[in-house]
Amino acid sequence: MIDPGAVRVKAAAFLKVPIERMGDDVTLLSLVQESFLLVQLVIELEEEFGARLVQEDLKDVKTVGDLVKAIVTHEVI
């Protein structure tokens, strides 16, 4: 099972932002303006945690909480 806290820590490190800025309601666009960087973040998290997301899984991902939930719920077993 993927630890949501570990996903947050990895995302914060990748984005080079303090973990305190990784609250559930924080929008991803407030952390990063470049969509390419967000794509790289998703790929990094998928590889790190063994999750597999498709474009449909990401259509409603707007916040840090949404992203963490998407990674946790799409773990490949």
PDB file of N, CA and C in Angstrom:
ATOM      1  N   MET A   1       0.844  -1.186   0.000  1.00  0.00           N
ATOM      2  CA  MET A   1       0.000   0.000   0.000  1.00  0.00           C
ATOM      3  C   MET A   1       0.888   1.249   0.000  1.00  0.00           C
ATOM      4  N   ILE A   2       0.507   2.190  -0.834  1.00  0.00           N
ATOM      5  CA  ILE A   2       1.291   3.421  -0.974  1.00  0.00           C
ATOM      6  C   ILE A   2       0.962   4.375   0.175  1.00  0.00           C
ATOM      7  N   ASP A   3       1.997   4.910   0.785  1.00  0.00           N
ATOM      8  CA  ASP A   3       1.845   5.869   1.884  1.00  0.00           C
ATOM      9  C   ASP A   3       1.605   7.268   1.301  1.00  0.00           C
ATOM     10  N   PRO A   4       0.428   7.863   1.556  1.00  0.00           N
ATOM     11  CA  PRO A   4       0.147   9.201   1.038  1.00  0.00           C
ATOM     12  C   PRO A   4       1.180  10.243   1.475  1.00  0.00           C
ATOM     13  N   GLY A   5       1.690  10.114   2.683  1.00  0.00           N
ATOM     14  CA  GLY A   5       2.709  11.042   3.174  1.00  0.00           C
ATOM     15  C   GLY A   5       3.982  10.961   2.354  1.00  0.00           C
ATOM     16  N   ALA A   6       4.352   9.759   1.950  1.00  0.00           N
ATOM     17  CA  ALA A   6       5.553   9.575   1.131  1.00  0.00           C
ATOM     18  C   ALA A   6       5.365  10.195  -0.255  1.00  0.00           C
ATOM     19  N   VAL A   7       4.146  10.121  -0.784  1.00  0.00           N
ATOM     20  CA  VAL A   7       3.854  10.738  -2.081  1.00  0.00           C
ATOM     21  C   VAL A   7       4.035  12.251  -1.980  1.00  0.00           C
ATOM     22  N   ARG A   8       3.524  12.835  -0.901  1.00  0.00           N
ATOM     23  CA  ARG A   8       3.671  14.279  -0.681  1.00  0.00           C
ATOM     24  C   ARG A   8       5.143  14.690  -0.575  1.00  0.00           C
ATOM     25  N   VAL A   9       5.903  13.919   0.185  1.00  0.00           N
ATOM     26  CA  VAL A   9       7.326  14.224   0.373  1.00  0.00           C
ATOM     27  C   VAL A   9       8.060  14.165  -0.965  1.00  0.00           C
ATOM     28  N   LYS A  10       7.797  13.122  -1.739  1.00  0.00           N
ATOM     29  CA  LYS A  10       8.448  12.972  -3.044  1.00  0.00           C
ATOM     30  C   LYS A  10       8.051  14.114  -3.980  1.00  0.00           C
ATOM     31  N   ALA A  11       6.763  14.464  -3.992  1.00  0.00           N
ATOM     32  CA  ALA A  11       6.285  15.551  -4.857  1.00  0.00           C
ATOM     33  C   ALA A  11       6.918  16.885  -4.451  1.00  0.00           C
ATOM     34  N   ALA A  12       6.986  17.134  -3.153  1.00  0.00           N
ATOM     35  CA  ALA A  12       7.587  18.383  -2.661  1.00  0.00           C
ATOM     36  C   ALA A  12       9.053  18.462  -3.068  1.00  0.00           C
ATOM     37  N   ALA A  13       9.767  17.356  -2.930  1.00  0.00           N
ATOM     38  CA  ALA A  13      11.182  17.328  -3.302  1.00  0.00           C
ATOM     39  C   ALA A  13      11.342  17.555  -4.803  1.00  0.00           C
ATOM     40  N   PHE A  14      10.502  16.918  -5.602  1.00  0.00           N
ATOM     41  CA  PHE A  14      10.581  17.078  -7.051  1.00  0.00           C
ATOM     42  C   PHE A  14      10.316  18.521  -7.470  1.00  0.00           C
ATOM     43  N   LEU A  15       9.317  19.124  -6.848  1.00  0.00           N
ATOM     44  CA  LEU A  15       8.944  20.503  -7.187  1.00  0.00           C
ATOM     45  C   LEU A  15       9.814  21.544  -6.485  1.00  0.00           C
ATOM     46  N   LYS A  16      10.645  21.068  -5.555  1.00  0.00           N
ATOM     47  CA  LYS A  16      11.523  21.946  -4.776  1.00  0.00           C
ATOM     48  C   LYS A  16      10.727  23.000  -4.007  1.00  0.00           C
ATOM     49  N   VAL A  17       9.678  22.513  -3.338  1.00  0.00           N
ATOM     50  CA  VAL A  17       8.869  23.379  -2.475  1.00  0.00           C
ATOM     51  C   VAL A  17       8.842  22.775  -1.079  1.00  0.00           C
ATOM     52  N   PRO A  18       8.660  23.597  -0.050  1.00  0.00           N
ATOM     53  CA  PRO A  18       8.577  23.063   1.315  1.00  0.00           C
ATOM     54  C   PRO A  18       7.362  22.147   1.465  1.00  0.00           C
ATOM     55  N   ILE A  19       7.520  21.112   2.235  1.00  0.00           N
ATOM     56  CA  ILE A  19       6.428  20.154   2.464  1.00  0.00           C
ATOM     57  C   ILE A  19       5.193  20.856   3.027  1.00  0.00           C
ATOM     58  N   GLU A  20       5.389  21.945   3.728  1.00  0.00           N
ATOM     59  CA  GLU A  20       4.268  22.689   4.309  1.00  0.00           C
ATOM     60  C   GLU A  20       3.342  23.244   3.226  1.00  0.00           C
ATOM     61  N   ARG A  21       3.849  23.394   2.014  1.00  0.00           N
ATOM     62  CA  ARG A  21       3.033  23.903   0.903  1.00  0.00           C
ATOM     63  C   ARG A  21       2.264  22.804   0.194  1.00  0.00           C
ATOM     64  N   MET A  22       2.350  21.580   0.685  1.00  0.00           N
ATOM     65  CA  MET A  22       1.734  20.436   0.011  1.00  0.00           C
ATOM     66  C   MET A  22       0.416  20.004   0.655  1.00  0.00           C
ATOM     67  N   GLY A  23      -0.378  20.969   1.099  1.00  0.00           N
ATOM     68  CA  GLY A  23      -1.684  20.666   1.694  1.00  0.00           C
ATOM     69  C   GLY A  23      -2.677  20.167   0.660  1.00  0.00           C
ATOM     70  N   ASP A  24      -3.675  19.437   1.111  1.00  0.00           N
ATOM     71  CA  ASP A  24      -4.665  18.841   0.215  1.00  0.00           C
ATOM     72  C   ASP A  24      -5.332  19.840  -0.723  1.00  0.00           C
ATOM     73  N   ASP A  25      -5.617  21.038  -0.243  1.00  0.00           N
ATOM     74  CA  ASP A  25      -6.367  22.010  -1.032  1.00  0.00           C
ATOM     75  C   ASP A  25      -5.497  22.925  -1.894  1.00  0.00           C
ATOM     76  N   VAL A  26      -4.201  22.748  -1.856  1.00  0.00           N
ATOM     77  CA  VAL A  26      -3.296  23.586  -2.649  1.00  0.00           C
ATOM     78  C   VAL A  26      -3.382  23.151  -4.120  1.00  0.00           C
ATOM     79  N   THR A  27      -3.641  24.116  -4.998  1.00  0.00           N
ATOM     80  CA  THR A  27      -3.728  23.768  -6.421  1.00  0.00           C
ATOM     81  C   THR A  27      -2.338  23.514  -6.980  1.00  0.00           C
ATOM     82  N   LEU A  28      -2.284  22.566  -7.879  1.00  0.00           N
ATOM     83  CA  LEU A  28      -1.008  22.245  -8.511  1.00  0.00           C
ATOM     84  C   LEU A  28      -0.491  23.427  -9.325  1.00  0.00           C
ATOM     85  N   LEU A  29      -1.395  24.184  -9.923  1.00  0.00           N
ATOM     86  CA  LEU A  29      -0.971  25.336 -10.718  1.00  0.00           C
ATOM     87  C   LEU A  29      -0.406  26.464  -9.872  1.00  0.00           C
ATOM     88  N   SER A  30      -0.706  26.465  -8.569  1.00  0.00           N
ATOM     89  CA  SER A  30      -0.094  27.468  -7.694  1.00  0.00           C
ATOM     90  C   SER A  30       1.349  27.083  -7.347  1.00  0.00           C
ATOM     91  N   LEU A  31       1.674  25.826  -7.541  1.00  0.00           N
ATOM     92  CA  LEU A  31       3.031  25.348  -7.268  1.00  0.00           C
ATOM     93  C   LEU A  31       3.911  25.370  -8.516  1.00  0.00           C
ATOM     94  N   VAL A  32       3.283  25.167  -9.672  1.00  0.00           N
ATOM     95  CA  VAL A  32       4.010  25.049 -10.936  1.00  0.00           C
ATOM     96  C   VAL A  32       3.172  25.658 -12.052  1.00  0.00           C
ATOM     97  N   GLN A  33       3.774  26.494 -12.847  1.00  0.00           N
ATOM     98  CA  GLN A  33       3.045  27.081 -13.964  1.00  0.00           C
ATOM     99  C   GLN A  33       3.207  26.280 -15.256  1.00  0.00           C
ATOM    100  N   GLU A  34       4.233  25.481 -15.359  1.00  0.00           N
ATOM    101  CA  GLU A  34       4.503  24.729 -16.580  1.00  0.00           C
ATOM    102  C   GLU A  34       3.832  23.360 -16.549  1.00  0.00           C
ATOM    103  N   SER A  35       2.939  23.121 -17.497  1.00  0.00           N
ATOM    104  CA  SER A  35       2.240  21.836 -17.527  1.00  0.00           C
ATOM    105  C   SER A  35       3.211  20.683 -17.779  1.00  0.00           C
ATOM    106  N   PHE A  36       4.291  20.951 -18.523  1.00  0.00           N
ATOM    107  CA  PHE A  36       5.280  19.905 -18.778  1.00  0.00           C
ATOM    108  C   PHE A  36       5.893  19.401 -17.470  1.00  0.00           C
ATOM    109  N   LEU A  37       6.138  20.299 -16.536  1.00  0.00           N
ATOM    110  CA  LEU A  37       6.702  19.915 -15.240  1.00  0.00           C
ATOM    111  C   LEU A  37       5.716  19.049 -14.459  1.00  0.00           C
ATOM    112  N   LEU A  38       4.441  19.338 -14.598  1.00  0.00           N
ATOM    113  CA  LEU A  38       3.430  18.511 -13.928  1.00  0.00           C
ATOM    114  C   LEU A  38       3.400  17.104 -14.525  1.00  0.00           C
ATOM    115  N   VAL A  39       3.561  17.005 -15.820  1.00  0.00           N
ATOM    116  CA  VAL A  39       3.620  15.693 -16.471  1.00  0.00           C
ATOM    117  C   VAL A  39       4.831  14.923 -15.961  1.00  0.00           C
ATOM    118  N   GLN A  40       5.960  15.603 -15.875  1.00  0.00           N
ATOM    119  CA  GLN A  40       7.168  14.963 -15.342  1.00  0.00           C
ATOM    120  C   GLN A  40       6.958  14.500 -13.904  1.00  0.00           C
ATOM    121  N   LEU A  41       6.262  15.312 -13.113  1.00  0.00           N
ATOM    122  CA  LEU A  41       5.976  14.942 -11.725  1.00  0.00           C
ATOM    123  C   LEU A  41       5.154  13.661 -11.675  1.00  0.00           C
ATOM    124  N   VAL A  42       4.118  13.578 -12.472  1.00  0.00           N
ATOM    125  CA  VAL A  42       3.273  12.374 -12.482  1.00  0.00           C
ATOM    126  C   VAL A  42       4.102  11.152 -12.873  1.00  0.00           C
ATOM    127  N   ILE A  43       4.925  11.281 -13.885  1.00  0.00           N
ATOM    128  CA  ILE A  43       5.773  10.161 -14.308  1.00  0.00           C
ATOM    129  C   ILE A  43       6.715   9.738 -13.186  1.00  0.00           C
ATOM    130  N   GLU A  44       7.321  10.707 -12.537  1.00  0.00           N
ATOM    131  CA  GLU A  44       8.230  10.427 -11.413  1.00  0.00           C
ATOM    132  C   GLU A  44       7.499   9.675 -10.292  1.00  0.00           C
ATOM    133  N   LEU A  45       6.299  10.144  -9.958  1.00  0.00           N
ATOM    134  CA  LEU A  45       5.528   9.499  -8.887  1.00  0.00           C
ATOM    135  C   LEU A  45       5.083   8.095  -9.290  1.00  0.00           C
ATOM    136  N   GLU A  46       4.684   7.926 -10.547  1.00  0.00           N
ATOM    137  CA  GLU A  46       4.300   6.588 -11.026  1.00  0.00           C
ATOM    138  C   GLU A  46       5.469   5.618 -10.881  1.00  0.00           C
ATOM    139  N   GLU A  47       6.640   6.042 -11.314  1.00  0.00           N
ATOM    140  CA  GLU A  47       7.815   5.176 -11.248  1.00  0.00           C
ATOM    141  C   GLU A  47       8.219   4.880  -9.811  1.00  0.00           C
ATOM    142  N   GLU A  48       8.192   5.890  -8.966  1.00  0.00           N
ATOM    143  CA  GLU A  48       8.610   5.730  -7.568  1.00  0.00           C
ATOM    144  C   GLU A  48       7.682   4.793  -6.800  1.00  0.00           C
ATOM    145  N   PHE A  49       6.379   4.903  -7.049  1.00  0.00           N
ATOM    146  CA  PHE A  49       5.408   4.178  -6.226  1.00  0.00           C
ATOM    147  C   PHE A  49       4.708   3.031  -6.944  1.00  0.00           C
ATOM    148  N   GLY A  50       5.094   2.754  -8.175  1.00  0.00           N
ATOM    149  CA  GLY A  50       4.499   1.623  -8.888  1.00  0.00           C
ATOM    150  C   GLY A  50       3.024   1.838  -9.201  1.00  0.00           C
ATOM    151  N   ALA A  51       2.681   3.054  -9.553  1.00  0.00           N
ATOM    152  CA  ALA A  51       1.302   3.371  -9.928  1.00  0.00           C
ATOM    153  C   ALA A  51       1.243   3.565 -11.433  1.00  0.00           C
ATOM    154  N   ARG A  52       0.075   3.341 -12.002  1.00  0.00           N
ATOM    155  CA  ARG A  52      -0.114   3.569 -13.431  1.00  0.00           C
ATOM    156  C   ARG A  52      -1.385   4.375 -13.633  1.00  0.00           C
ATOM    157  N   LEU A  53      -1.212   5.564 -14.199  1.00  0.00           N
ATOM    158  CA  LEU A  53      -2.337   6.446 -14.467  1.00  0.00           C
ATOM    159  C   LEU A  53      -2.477   6.635 -15.967  1.00  0.00           C
ATOM    160  N   VAL A  54      -3.714   6.782 -16.415  1.00  0.00           N
ATOM    161  CA  VAL A  54      -3.978   7.135 -17.801  1.00  0.00           C
ATOM    162  C   VAL A  54      -4.550   8.543 -17.810  1.00  0.00           C
ATOM    163  N   GLN A  55      -4.639   9.127 -18.978  1.00  0.00           N
ATOM    164  CA  GLN A  55      -5.095  10.512 -19.085  1.00  0.00           C
ATOM    165  C   GLN A  55      -6.451  10.716 -18.418  1.00  0.00           C
ATOM    166  N   GLU A  56      -7.330   9.761 -18.544  1.00  0.00           N
ATOM    167  CA  GLU A  56      -8.664   9.846 -17.928  1.00  0.00           C
ATOM    168  C   GLU A  56      -8.563   9.978 -16.404  1.00  0.00           C
ATOM    169  N   ASP A  57      -7.586   9.321 -15.790  1.00  0.00           N
ATOM    170  CA  ASP A  57      -7.398   9.394 -14.337  1.00  0.00           C
ATOM    171  C   ASP A  57      -6.991  10.796 -13.895  1.00  0.00           C
ATOM    172  N   LEU A  58      -6.393  11.553 -14.792  1.00  0.00           N
ATOM    173  CA  LEU A  58      -5.844  12.858 -14.437  1.00  0.00           C
ATOM    174  C   LEU A  58      -6.762  14.032 -14.755  1.00  0.00           C
ATOM    175  N   LYS A  59      -7.875  13.780 -15.416  1.00  0.00           N
ATOM    176  CA  LYS A  59      -8.708  14.898 -15.882  1.00  0.00           C
ATOM    177  C   LYS A  59      -9.262  15.747 -14.748  1.00  0.00           C
ATOM    178  N   ASP A  60      -9.514  15.175 -13.586  1.00  0.00           N
ATOM    179  CA  ASP A  60     -10.053  15.927 -12.456  1.00  0.00           C
ATOM    180  C   ASP A  60      -9.012  16.251 -11.389  1.00  0.00           C
ATOM    181  N   VAL A  61      -7.749  15.975 -11.665  1.00  0.00           N
ATOM    182  CA  VAL A  61      -6.679  16.250 -10.700  1.00  0.00           C
ATOM    183  C   VAL A  61      -6.312  17.732 -10.786  1.00  0.00           C
ATOM    184  N   LYS A  62      -6.671  18.464  -9.731  1.00  0.00           N
ATOM    185  CA  LYS A  62      -6.406  19.907  -9.691  1.00  0.00           C
ATOM    186  C   LYS A  62      -5.563  20.312  -8.482  1.00  0.00           C
ATOM    187  N   THR A  63      -5.639  19.520  -7.422  1.00  0.00           N
ATOM    188  CA  THR A  63      -4.968  19.878  -6.169  1.00  0.00           C
ATOM    189  C   THR A  63      -3.948  18.802  -5.772  1.00  0.00           C
ATOM    190  N   VAL A  64      -3.143  19.143  -4.794  1.00  0.00           N
ATOM    191  CA  VAL A  64      -2.192  18.175  -4.254  1.00  0.00           C
ATOM    192  C   VAL A  64      -2.940  16.948  -3.733  1.00  0.00           C
ATOM    193  N   GLY A  65      -4.030  17.178  -3.032  1.00  0.00           N
ATOM    194  CA  GLY A  65      -4.826  16.064  -2.510  1.00  0.00           C
ATOM    195  C   GLY A  65      -5.346  15.158  -3.611  1.00  0.00           C
ATOM    196  N   ASP A  66      -5.797  15.756  -4.709  1.00  0.00           N
ATOM    197  CA  ASP A  66      -6.273  14.970  -5.860  1.00  0.00           C
ATOM    198  C   ASP A  66      -5.148  14.107  -6.421  1.00  0.00           C
ATOM    199  N   LEU A  67      -3.969  14.687  -6.542  1.00  0.00           N
ATOM    200  CA  LEU A  67      -2.830  13.957  -7.097  1.00  0.00           C
ATOM    201  C   LEU A  67      -2.419  12.806  -6.191  1.00  0.00           C
ATOM    202  N   VAL A  68      -2.344  13.072  -4.905  1.00  0.00           N
ATOM    203  CA  VAL A  68      -1.974  12.018  -3.948  1.00  0.00           C
ATOM    204  C   VAL A  68      -2.986  10.879  -4.022  1.00  0.00           C
ATOM    205  N   LYS A  69      -4.262  11.214  -4.039  1.00  0.00           N
ATOM    206  CA  LYS A  69      -5.317  10.190  -4.107  1.00  0.00           C
ATOM    207  C   LYS A  69      -5.196   9.375  -5.395  1.00  0.00           C
ATOM    208  N   ALA A  70      -4.918  10.051  -6.522  1.00  0.00           N
ATOM    209  CA  ALA A  70      -4.777   9.347  -7.792  1.00  0.00           C
ATOM    210  C   ALA A  70      -3.629   8.346  -7.745  1.00  0.00           C
ATOM    211  N   ILE A  71      -2.503   8.754  -7.198  1.00  0.00           N
ATOM    212  CA  ILE A  71      -1.346   7.848  -7.109  1.00  0.00           C
ATOM    213  C   ILE A  71      -1.656   6.672  -6.181  1.00  0.00           C
ATOM    214  N   VAL A  72      -2.213   6.954  -5.026  1.00  0.00           N
ATOM    215  CA  VAL A  72      -2.500   5.904  -4.039  1.00  0.00           C
ATOM    216  C   VAL A  72      -3.506   4.899  -4.566  1.00  0.00           C
ATOM    217  N   THR A  73      -4.503   5.351  -5.296  1.00  0.00           N
ATOM    218  CA  THR A  73      -5.566   4.446  -5.739  1.00  0.00           C
ATOM    219  C   THR A  73      -5.243   3.718  -7.045  1.00  0.00           C
ATOM    220  N   HIS A  74      -4.123   4.042  -7.662  1.00  0.00           N
ATOM    221  CA  HIS A  74      -3.763   3.374  -8.917  1.00  0.00           C
ATOM    222  C   HIS A  74      -2.471   2.579  -8.808  1.00  0.00           C
ATOM    223  N   GLU A  75      -2.248   2.045  -7.630  1.00  0.00           N
ATOM    224  CA  GLU A  75      -1.061   1.206  -7.421  1.00  0.00           C
ATOM    225  C   GLU A  75      -1.199  -0.076  -8.224  1.00  0.00           C
ATOM    226  N   VAL A  76      -0.139  -0.446  -8.914  1.00  0.00           N
ATOM    227  CA  VAL A  76      -0.114  -1.703  -9.665  1.00  0.00           C
ATOM    228  C   VAL A  76       0.411  -2.765  -8.711  1.00  0.00           C
ATOM    229  N   ILE A  77      -0.380  -3.790  -8.547  1.00  0.00           N
ATOM    230  CA  ILE A  77       0.009  -4.846  -7.584  1.00  0.00           C
ATOM    231  C   ILE A  77       0.588  -6.032  -8.330  1.00  0.00           C
TER     232      ILE A  77
END
